[in-house]
Amino acid sequence: MDTSKLLNEEVITDRLQTLNVAWAAIGNDYLVRTYQTKDFDAGVALIKDIAKLANEANHHPDISLSYNRLEVKLSTHDIAGITDKDFALAAKIDQLAQS
């Protein structure tokens, strides 16, 4: 499977069914999800854990933290859109956030 192939909106809509319902697509540009954390320190800890996953996958999300709200945006930057790599990392981040 070519994980760097840009997915069209129909495929993205179908693939969203495999993720937590909190994930959404912004066109075929980004997958986005906001996580609620206990407090700021918990958000920072989650960012560190996500960073480890991202480095292992060599695929780096855009992350923003505002007190206890952590937003994760995934896109394959070199082709400017959503690919299989984004869905794979989204699923791993969800597993991480549940533990």
C-alpha atoms as a PDB file:
ATOM      1  CA  MET A   1       0.000   0.000   0.000  1.00  0.00           C
ATOM      2  CA  ASP A   2       1.289   3.441  -0.936  1.00  0.00           C
ATOM      3  CA  THR A   3       0.837   5.355   2.318  1.00  0.00           C
ATOM      4  CA  SER A   4       1.807   8.678   0.748  1.00  0.00           C
ATOM      5  CA  LYS A   5      -1.015   8.770  -1.811  1.00  0.00           C
ATOM      6  CA  LEU A   6      -3.457  11.673  -1.334  1.00  0.00           C
ATOM      7  CA  LEU A   7      -6.910  10.367  -0.426  1.00  0.00           C
ATOM      8  CA  ASN A   8     -10.059  11.840  -1.929  1.00  0.00           C
ATOM      9  CA  GLU A   9     -12.927  13.086   0.240  1.00  0.00           C
ATOM     10  CA  GLU A  10     -15.090   9.995  -0.385  1.00  0.00           C
ATOM     11  CA  VAL A  11     -12.342   7.657   0.840  1.00  0.00           C
ATOM     12  CA  ILE A  12     -11.648   9.960   3.791  1.00  0.00           C
ATOM     13  CA  THR A  13     -15.327   9.908   4.795  1.00  0.00           C
ATOM     14  CA  ASP A  14     -15.327   6.098   4.677  1.00  0.00           C
ATOM     15  CA  ARG A  15     -12.052   5.837   6.608  1.00  0.00           C
ATOM     16  CA  LEU A  16     -13.292   8.209   9.334  1.00  0.00           C
ATOM     17  CA  GLN A  17     -15.673   5.403  10.326  1.00  0.00           C
ATOM     18  CA  THR A  18     -12.638   3.417  11.509  1.00  0.00           C
ATOM     19  CA  LEU A  19     -11.578   6.136  13.971  1.00  0.00           C
ATOM     20  CA  ASN A  20     -13.094   7.578  17.121  1.00  0.00           C
ATOM     21  CA  VAL A  21     -16.076   9.745  16.196  1.00  0.00           C
ATOM     22  CA  ALA A  22     -14.294  12.789  17.633  1.00  0.00           C
ATOM     23  CA  TRP A  23     -12.012  12.900  14.553  1.00  0.00           C
ATOM     24  CA  ALA A  24     -13.159  15.106  11.696  1.00  0.00           C
ATOM     25  CA  ALA A  25     -11.798  15.935   8.282  1.00  0.00           C
ATOM     26  CA  ILE A  26     -11.269  19.444   7.020  1.00  0.00           C
ATOM     27  CA  GLY A  27     -11.785  18.741   3.332  1.00  0.00           C
ATOM     28  CA  ASN A  28      -8.971  16.465   2.276  1.00  0.00           C
ATOM     29  CA  ASP A  29      -6.423  18.744   3.944  1.00  0.00           C
ATOM     30  CA  TYR A  30      -6.414  17.703   7.628  1.00  0.00           C
ATOM     31  CA  LEU A  31      -7.729  15.226  10.130  1.00  0.00           C
ATOM     32  CA  VAL A  32      -8.442  17.040  13.391  1.00  0.00           C
ATOM     33  CA  ARG A  33      -9.405  16.061  16.913  1.00  0.00           C
ATOM     34  CA  THR A  34      -9.517  17.882  20.235  1.00  0.00           C
ATOM     35  CA  TYR A  35      -8.695  15.992  23.420  1.00  0.00           C
ATOM     36  CA  GLN A  36      -9.843  17.178  26.824  1.00  0.00           C
ATOM     37  CA  THR A  37      -7.157  16.627  29.470  1.00  0.00           C
ATOM     38  CA  LYS A  38      -7.336  16.903  33.251  1.00  0.00           C
ATOM     39  CA  ASP A  39      -5.222  20.060  33.288  1.00  0.00           C
ATOM     40  CA  PHE A  40      -2.343  21.802  31.533  1.00  0.00           C
ATOM     41  CA  ASP A  41       0.308  19.387  32.857  1.00  0.00           C
ATOM     42  CA  ALA A  42      -1.668  16.403  31.578  1.00  0.00           C
ATOM     43  CA  GLY A  43      -1.877  18.097  28.178  1.00  0.00           C
ATOM     44  CA  VAL A  44       1.891  18.620  28.112  1.00  0.00           C
ATOM     45  CA  ALA A  45       2.428  14.967  29.063  1.00  0.00           C
ATOM     46  CA  LEU A  46       0.137  13.857  26.230  1.00  0.00           C
ATOM     47  CA  ILE A  47       2.051  16.064  23.789  1.00  0.00           C
ATOM     48  CA  LYS A  48       5.298  14.376  24.832  1.00  0.00           C
ATOM     49  CA  ASP A  49       3.755  10.937  24.292  1.00  0.00           C
ATOM     50  CA  ILE A  50       2.355  11.969  20.894  1.00  0.00           C
ATOM     51  CA  ALA A  51       5.765  13.358  19.942  1.00  0.00           C
ATOM     52  CA  LYS A  52       7.345   9.972  20.638  1.00  0.00           C
ATOM     53  CA  LEU A  53       4.788   8.220  18.403  1.00  0.00           C
ATOM     54  CA  ALA A  54       5.213  10.854  15.707  1.00  0.00           C
ATOM     55  CA  ASN A  55       8.987  10.496  15.693  1.00  0.00           C
ATOM     56  CA  GLU A  56       8.707   6.697  15.474  1.00  0.00           C
ATOM     57  CA  ALA A  57       6.362   7.084  12.490  1.00  0.00           C
ATOM     58  CA  ASN A  58       8.411   9.945  11.005  1.00  0.00           C
ATOM     59  CA  HIS A  59       5.097  11.756  10.649  1.00  0.00           C
ATOM     60  CA  HIS A  60       4.564  14.922  12.652  1.00  0.00           C
ATOM     61  CA  PRO A  61       1.193  16.491  13.521  1.00  0.00           C
ATOM     62  CA  ASP A  62       0.382  20.101  14.258  1.00  0.00           C
ATOM     63  CA  ILE A  63      -0.463  20.340  17.957  1.00  0.00           C
ATOM     64  CA  SER A  64      -1.850  23.188  20.038  1.00  0.00           C
ATOM     65  CA  LEU A  65      -2.600  23.265  23.752  1.00  0.00           C
ATOM     66  CA  SER A  66      -4.850  25.697  25.561  1.00  0.00           C
ATOM     67  CA  TYR A  67      -4.977  24.797  29.259  1.00  0.00           C
ATOM     68  CA  ASN A  68      -6.808  21.428  29.103  1.00  0.00           C
ATOM     69  CA  ARG A  69      -7.727  21.332  25.408  1.00  0.00           C
ATOM     70  CA  LEU A  70      -5.231  19.688  23.091  1.00  0.00           C
ATOM     71  CA  GLU A  71      -5.885  19.937  19.353  1.00  0.00           C
ATOM     72  CA  VAL A  72      -4.149  17.537  16.980  1.00  0.00           C
ATOM     73  CA  LYS A  73      -4.148  18.162  13.229  1.00  0.00           C
ATOM     74  CA  LEU A  74      -2.760  15.521  10.897  1.00  0.00           C
ATOM     75  CA  SER A  75      -1.752  16.064   7.297  1.00  0.00           C
ATOM     76  CA  THR A  76       0.948  14.667   5.087  1.00  0.00           C
ATOM     77  CA  HIS A  77       2.720  17.973   4.551  1.00  0.00           C
ATOM     78  CA  ASP A  78       4.865  16.963   1.569  1.00  0.00           C
ATOM     79  CA  ILE A  79       1.742  16.296  -0.527  1.00  0.00           C
ATOM     80  CA  ALA A  80      -0.542  18.769   1.286  1.00  0.00           C
ATOM     81  CA  GLY A  81      -3.341  16.476   2.312  1.00  0.00           C
ATOM     82  CA  ILE A  82      -4.641  13.397   4.067  1.00  0.00           C
ATOM     83  CA  THR A  83      -3.040  10.006   3.414  1.00  0.00           C
ATOM     84  CA  ASP A  84      -3.057   6.562   5.017  1.00  0.00           C
ATOM     85  CA  LYS A  85      -0.185   7.778   7.220  1.00  0.00           C
ATOM     86  CA  ASP A  86      -2.548  10.254   8.869  1.00  0.00           C
ATOM     87  CA  PHE A  87      -5.157   7.613   9.640  1.00  0.00           C
ATOM     88  CA  ALA A  88      -2.520   5.262  11.031  1.00  0.00           C
ATOM     89  CA  LEU A  89      -1.114   7.916  13.361  1.00  0.00           C
ATOM     90  CA  ALA A  90      -4.615   9.053  14.407  1.00  0.00           C
ATOM     91  CA  ALA A  91      -5.450   5.509  15.523  1.00  0.00           C
ATOM     92  CA  LYS A  92      -2.204   5.265  17.497  1.00  0.00           C
ATOM     93  CA  ILE A  93      -2.817   8.628  19.165  1.00  0.00           C
ATOM     94  CA  ASP A  94      -6.310   7.481  20.179  1.00  0.00           C
ATOM     95  CA  GLN A  95      -4.875   4.311  21.743  1.00  0.00           C
ATOM     96  CA  LEU A  96      -2.327   6.409  23.595  1.00  0.00           C
ATOM     97  CA  ALA A  97      -4.910   8.912  24.850  1.00  0.00           C
ATOM     98  CA  GLN A  98      -7.114   6.105  26.209  1.00  0.00           C
ATOM     99  CA  SER A  99      -4.361   4.579  28.322  1.00  0.00           C
END
